[in-house]
């Protein structure tokens, strides 16, 4: 018997591997790496575990051509939906992107 779980995402995620800085409200910061993302969700690998329901602040360098604007440094507010034990890459974290803000270029 195969598992035919219906897709719950409203947007298709695209495979994108870029570094991400993960900041929790209590001030903990860690580095991560994205696996995929869409305009309203992200899956990333983090150094340590996060709890479902946690609020995060993510700083990501979005590449252009994802359908999410011109790309560039982006600040995202996110909510952790699911946490998976990693296979050597760290802990897998699925989160919704609640807010996306393009950061100004520094000169």
N, C-alpha and C. Protein backbone atom coordinates (compact mmCIF):
# COMPACT_ATOMS: atom_id res chain seq x y z
N UNK A 1 0.84 -1.17 0.00
CA UNK A 1 0.00 0.00 0.00
C UNK A 1 0.90 1.25 0.00
N UNK A 2 0.62 2.19 -0.86
CA UNK A 2 1.42 3.42 -0.91
C UNK A 2 0.69 4.52 -0.16
N UNK A 3 1.47 5.42 0.40
CA UNK A 3 0.91 6.54 1.14
C UNK A 3 0.64 7.67 0.17
N UNK A 4 -0.61 8.03 -0.01
CA UNK A 4 -1.01 9.09 -0.93
C UNK A 4 -1.43 10.32 -0.13
N UNK A 5 -0.53 10.86 0.66
CA UNK A 5 -0.82 12.04 1.45
C UNK A 5 -1.01 13.23 0.53
N UNK A 6 -2.13 13.94 0.63
CA UNK A 6 -2.33 15.09 -0.24
C UNK A 6 -1.36 16.22 0.10
N UNK A 7 -0.96 16.94 -0.91
CA UNK A 7 -0.05 18.08 -0.73
C UNK A 7 -0.78 19.18 0.02
N UNK A 8 -0.16 19.67 1.11
CA UNK A 8 -0.80 20.72 1.91
C UNK A 8 -0.23 22.10 1.60
N UNK A 9 0.83 22.17 0.85
CA UNK A 9 1.43 23.46 0.54
C UNK A 9 0.60 24.19 -0.51
N UNK A 10 0.51 25.51 -0.35
CA UNK A 10 -0.22 26.29 -1.34
C UNK A 10 0.70 26.75 -2.47
N UNK A 11 2.00 26.72 -2.25
CA UNK A 11 2.98 27.11 -3.27
C UNK A 11 4.01 25.99 -3.42
N UNK A 12 4.46 25.76 -4.64
CA UNK A 12 5.49 24.75 -4.89
C UNK A 12 6.83 25.26 -4.40
N UNK A 13 7.53 24.41 -3.65
CA UNK A 13 8.86 24.79 -3.19
C UNK A 13 9.88 24.46 -4.26
N UNK A 14 10.89 25.32 -4.37
CA UNK A 14 11.96 25.12 -5.34
C UNK A 14 13.23 24.76 -4.60
N UNK A 15 14.00 23.80 -5.13
CA UNK A 15 15.25 23.45 -4.46
C UNK A 15 16.25 24.60 -4.54
N UNK A 16 16.66 25.10 -3.39
CA UNK A 16 17.60 26.21 -3.32
C UNK A 16 18.52 25.97 -2.12
N UNK A 17 19.82 25.95 -2.35
CA UNK A 17 20.78 25.77 -1.26
C UNK A 17 21.57 27.06 -1.07
N UNK A 18 21.16 27.82 -0.06
CA UNK A 18 21.86 29.05 0.28
C UNK A 18 22.01 29.11 1.81
N UNK A 19 23.07 29.76 2.29
CA UNK A 19 23.22 29.91 3.74
C UNK A 19 22.10 30.77 4.31
N UNK A 20 21.75 30.49 5.56
CA UNK A 20 20.72 31.27 6.26
C UNK A 20 21.16 31.46 7.70
N UNK A 21 20.95 32.66 8.22
CA UNK A 21 21.19 32.92 9.63
C UNK A 21 19.86 32.78 10.34
N UNK A 22 19.83 31.96 11.38
CA UNK A 22 18.60 31.67 12.13
C UNK A 22 18.72 32.34 13.50
N UNK A 23 17.77 33.20 13.81
CA UNK A 23 17.77 33.90 15.10
C UNK A 23 16.45 33.63 15.81
N UNK A 24 16.54 33.20 17.08
CA UNK A 24 15.36 32.97 17.90
C UNK A 24 15.08 34.20 18.74
N UNK A 25 13.83 34.40 19.19
CA UNK A 25 13.48 35.60 19.97
C UNK A 25 14.34 35.80 21.21
N UNK A 26 14.77 34.71 21.84
CA UNK A 26 15.59 34.87 23.05
C UNK A 26 17.03 35.23 22.74
N UNK A 27 17.36 35.41 21.46
CA UNK A 27 18.68 35.91 21.07
C UNK A 27 19.64 34.86 20.57
N UNK A 28 19.29 33.57 20.63
CA UNK A 28 20.18 32.54 20.11
C UNK A 28 20.30 32.68 18.59
N UNK A 29 21.53 32.60 18.10
CA UNK A 29 21.78 32.67 16.66
C UNK A 29 22.54 31.45 16.22
N UNK A 30 22.22 30.96 15.04
CA UNK A 30 22.95 29.83 14.48
C UNK A 30 22.92 29.91 12.96
N UNK A 31 23.82 29.20 12.35
CA UNK A 31 23.88 29.15 10.89
C UNK A 31 23.08 27.96 10.40
N UNK A 32 22.54 28.07 9.21
CA UNK A 32 21.80 26.97 8.60
C UNK A 32 22.01 26.98 7.10
N UNK A 33 21.38 26.04 6.43
CA UNK A 33 21.45 25.92 4.99
C UNK A 33 20.07 25.53 4.49
N UNK A 34 19.54 26.27 3.53
CA UNK A 34 18.22 25.95 3.00
C UNK A 34 18.29 24.70 2.13
N UNK A 35 17.20 23.98 2.08
CA UNK A 35 17.05 22.86 1.15
C UNK A 35 16.11 23.25 0.03
N UNK A 36 15.00 23.91 0.42
CA UNK A 36 14.05 24.39 -0.58
C UNK A 36 13.22 25.51 0.03
N UNK A 37 12.60 26.28 -0.85
CA UNK A 37 11.75 27.37 -0.36
C UNK A 37 10.74 27.78 -1.40
N UNK A 38 9.70 28.46 -0.91
CA UNK A 38 8.67 29.04 -1.76
C UNK A 38 8.37 30.42 -1.20
N UNK A 39 7.38 31.08 -1.75
CA UNK A 39 7.04 32.42 -1.27
C UNK A 39 6.42 32.40 0.11
N UNK A 40 6.01 31.22 0.60
CA UNK A 40 5.42 31.18 1.94
C UNK A 40 5.93 30.05 2.82
N UNK A 41 7.01 29.36 2.41
CA UNK A 41 7.54 28.28 3.23
C UNK A 41 9.00 28.00 2.94
N UNK A 42 9.66 27.36 3.91
CA UNK A 42 11.08 27.05 3.79
C UNK A 42 11.37 25.74 4.50
N UNK A 43 12.34 24.99 3.99
CA UNK A 43 12.90 23.85 4.71
C UNK A 43 14.39 24.11 4.79
N UNK A 44 14.93 24.04 6.01
CA UNK A 44 16.35 24.31 6.18
C UNK A 44 16.95 23.31 7.16
N UNK A 45 18.27 23.19 7.09
CA UNK A 45 19.02 22.39 8.04
C UNK A 45 19.67 23.34 9.02
N UNK A 46 19.48 23.06 10.30
CA UNK A 46 19.99 23.91 11.37
C UNK A 46 20.96 23.12 12.23
N UNK A 47 21.81 23.84 12.96
CA UNK A 47 22.81 23.19 13.81
C UNK A 47 22.18 22.49 15.01
N UNK A 48 21.11 23.04 15.54
CA UNK A 48 20.49 22.44 16.72
C UNK A 48 18.97 22.48 16.60
N UNK A 49 18.33 21.73 17.47
CA UNK A 49 16.89 21.56 17.39
C UNK A 49 16.09 22.81 17.72
N UNK A 50 15.01 22.95 17.05
CA UNK A 50 14.04 24.00 17.31
C UNK A 50 12.72 23.29 17.57
N UNK A 51 11.82 23.94 18.22
CA UNK A 51 10.53 23.34 18.57
C UNK A 51 9.44 23.80 17.62
N UNK A 52 8.52 22.88 17.25
CA UNK A 52 7.36 23.32 16.46
C UNK A 52 6.62 24.43 17.21
N UNK A 53 6.21 25.45 16.47
CA UNK A 53 5.54 26.60 17.07
C UNK A 53 6.49 27.74 17.38
N UNK A 54 7.81 27.47 17.36
CA UNK A 54 8.80 28.52 17.62
C UNK A 54 8.74 29.59 16.55
N UNK A 55 8.97 30.83 16.95
CA UNK A 55 9.07 31.94 16.01
C UNK A 55 10.55 32.16 15.72
N UNK A 56 10.88 32.43 14.46
CA UNK A 56 12.26 32.63 14.04
C UNK A 56 12.38 33.88 13.19
N UNK A 57 13.58 34.42 13.16
CA UNK A 57 13.95 35.47 12.24
C UNK A 57 15.05 34.88 11.38
N UNK A 58 14.88 34.95 10.07
CA UNK A 58 15.84 34.38 9.13
C UNK A 58 16.41 35.47 8.25
N UNK A 59 17.72 35.43 8.06
CA UNK A 59 18.36 36.33 7.10
C UNK A 59 18.91 35.44 5.99
N UNK A 60 18.40 35.67 4.78
CA UNK A 60 18.72 34.82 3.63
C UNK A 60 19.13 35.68 2.45
N UNK A 61 20.14 35.23 1.70
CA UNK A 61 20.47 35.86 0.42
C UNK A 61 19.70 35.10 -0.65
N UNK A 62 18.56 35.67 -1.08
CA UNK A 62 17.74 35.01 -2.09
C UNK A 62 18.32 35.24 -3.48
N UNK A 63 18.47 34.16 -4.24
CA UNK A 63 18.91 34.34 -5.63
C UNK A 63 17.76 34.87 -6.47
N UNK A 64 18.05 35.62 -7.54
CA UNK A 64 16.98 36.08 -8.42
C UNK A 64 16.39 34.90 -9.19
N UNK A 65 15.21 35.09 -9.74
CA UNK A 65 14.61 34.08 -10.59
C UNK A 65 13.77 33.05 -9.85
N UNK A 66 13.45 33.30 -8.59
CA UNK A 66 12.60 32.37 -7.84
C UNK A 66 11.14 32.77 -7.87
N UNK A 67 10.85 33.89 -8.50
CA UNK A 67 9.49 34.39 -8.48
C UNK A 67 9.17 35.11 -7.19
N UNK A 68 10.21 35.53 -6.46
CA UNK A 68 10.05 36.21 -5.18
C UNK A 68 10.73 37.57 -5.22
N UNK A 69 10.65 38.23 -6.35
CA UNK A 69 11.28 39.54 -6.48
C UNK A 69 12.67 39.42 -7.08
N UNK A 70 13.45 40.51 -6.98
CA UNK A 70 14.74 40.56 -7.65
C UNK A 70 15.85 39.78 -6.95
N UNK A 71 15.58 39.24 -5.78
CA UNK A 71 16.63 38.56 -5.02
C UNK A 71 17.37 39.57 -4.17
N UNK A 72 18.31 39.10 -3.39
CA UNK A 72 19.08 39.95 -2.51
C UNK A 72 18.88 39.55 -1.05
N UNK A 73 19.49 40.32 -0.15
CA UNK A 73 19.38 40.02 1.27
C UNK A 73 17.95 40.23 1.73
N UNK A 74 17.44 39.24 2.44
CA UNK A 74 16.04 39.24 2.85
C UNK A 74 15.92 38.88 4.33
N UNK A 75 15.05 39.58 5.04
CA UNK A 75 14.74 39.28 6.43
C UNK A 75 13.35 38.65 6.45
N UNK A 76 13.24 37.46 7.04
CA UNK A 76 11.96 36.75 7.08
C UNK A 76 11.57 36.45 8.52
N UNK A 77 10.31 36.62 8.82
CA UNK A 77 9.73 36.15 10.08
C UNK A 77 9.11 34.80 9.75
N UNK A 78 9.41 33.79 10.56
CA UNK A 78 8.94 32.43 10.25
C UNK A 78 8.42 31.75 11.50
N UNK A 79 7.58 30.73 11.27
CA UNK A 79 7.04 29.90 12.35
C UNK A 79 7.36 28.44 12.04
N UNK A 80 8.00 27.75 12.98
CA UNK A 80 8.38 26.36 12.79
C UNK A 80 7.12 25.48 12.80
N UNK A 81 7.01 24.65 11.76
CA UNK A 81 5.87 23.75 11.63
C UNK A 81 6.26 22.33 12.02
N UNK A 82 7.46 21.92 11.59
CA UNK A 82 7.89 20.53 11.78
C UNK A 82 9.40 20.49 11.95
N UNK A 83 9.87 19.56 12.79
CA UNK A 83 11.31 19.36 13.00
C UNK A 83 11.60 17.88 12.76
N UNK A 84 12.64 17.60 11.95
CA UNK A 84 13.04 16.23 11.63
C UNK A 84 14.48 16.02 12.06
N UNK A 85 14.77 14.85 12.60
CA UNK A 85 16.16 14.53 12.92
C UNK A 85 16.93 14.38 11.63
N UNK A 86 18.09 15.03 11.55
CA UNK A 86 18.87 15.04 10.33
C UNK A 86 19.67 13.78 10.13
N UNK A 87 20.25 13.69 8.95
CA UNK A 87 21.11 12.55 8.61
C UNK A 87 22.51 13.07 8.36
N UNK A 88 23.08 13.74 9.36
CA UNK A 88 24.42 14.26 9.23
C UNK A 88 24.49 15.72 8.82
N UNK A 89 23.39 16.31 8.35
CA UNK A 89 23.37 17.70 7.93
C UNK A 89 22.85 18.62 9.02
N UNK A 90 22.52 18.07 10.17
CA UNK A 90 21.90 18.84 11.23
C UNK A 90 20.44 18.47 11.33
N UNK A 91 19.68 19.31 11.98
CA UNK A 91 18.25 19.08 12.18
C UNK A 91 17.48 19.73 11.04
N UNK A 92 16.51 19.01 10.49
CA UNK A 92 15.67 19.56 9.43
C UNK A 92 14.52 20.35 10.02
N UNK A 93 14.28 21.56 9.50
CA UNK A 93 13.23 22.42 10.02
C UNK A 93 12.35 22.91 8.87
N UNK A 94 11.05 22.61 8.97
CA UNK A 94 10.08 23.13 8.01
C UNK A 94 9.36 24.29 8.69
N UNK A 95 9.24 25.42 8.00
CA UNK A 95 8.61 26.60 8.60
C UNK A 95 7.80 27.35 7.56
N UNK A 96 6.78 28.04 8.04
CA UNK A 96 6.04 28.96 7.18
C UNK A 96 6.73 30.31 7.24
N UNK A 97 6.72 31.02 6.13
CA UNK A 97 7.27 32.38 6.09
C UNK A 97 6.10 33.33 6.31
N UNK A 98 6.08 33.95 7.48
CA UNK A 98 4.97 34.83 7.83
C UNK A 98 5.13 36.24 7.28
N UNK A 99 6.38 36.65 7.09
CA UNK A 99 6.66 37.99 6.58
C UNK A 99 8.01 37.96 5.88
N UNK A 100 8.11 38.61 4.72
CA UNK A 100 9.35 38.69 3.95
C UNK A 100 9.63 40.15 3.66
N UNK A 101 10.83 40.58 3.99
CA UNK A 101 11.20 41.99 3.78
C UNK A 101 12.56 42.06 3.12
N UNK A 102 12.63 42.68 1.95
CA UNK A 102 13.89 42.87 1.26
C UNK A 102 14.71 43.91 1.99
N UNK A 103 15.95 43.58 2.32
CA UNK A 103 16.81 44.51 3.04
C UNK A 103 17.48 45.47 2.06
N UNK A 104 17.71 46.71 2.47
CA UNK A 104 18.38 47.66 1.56
C UNK A 104 19.82 47.27 1.33
N UNK A 105 20.31 47.58 0.15
CA UNK A 105 21.72 47.34 -0.20
C UNK A 105 22.61 48.28 0.58
N UNK A 106 23.70 47.77 1.08
CA UNK A 106 24.68 48.63 1.76
C UNK A 106 25.74 49.06 0.76
N UNK A 107 26.15 50.30 0.85
CA UNK A 107 27.19 50.75 -0.09
C UNK A 107 28.38 51.29 0.65
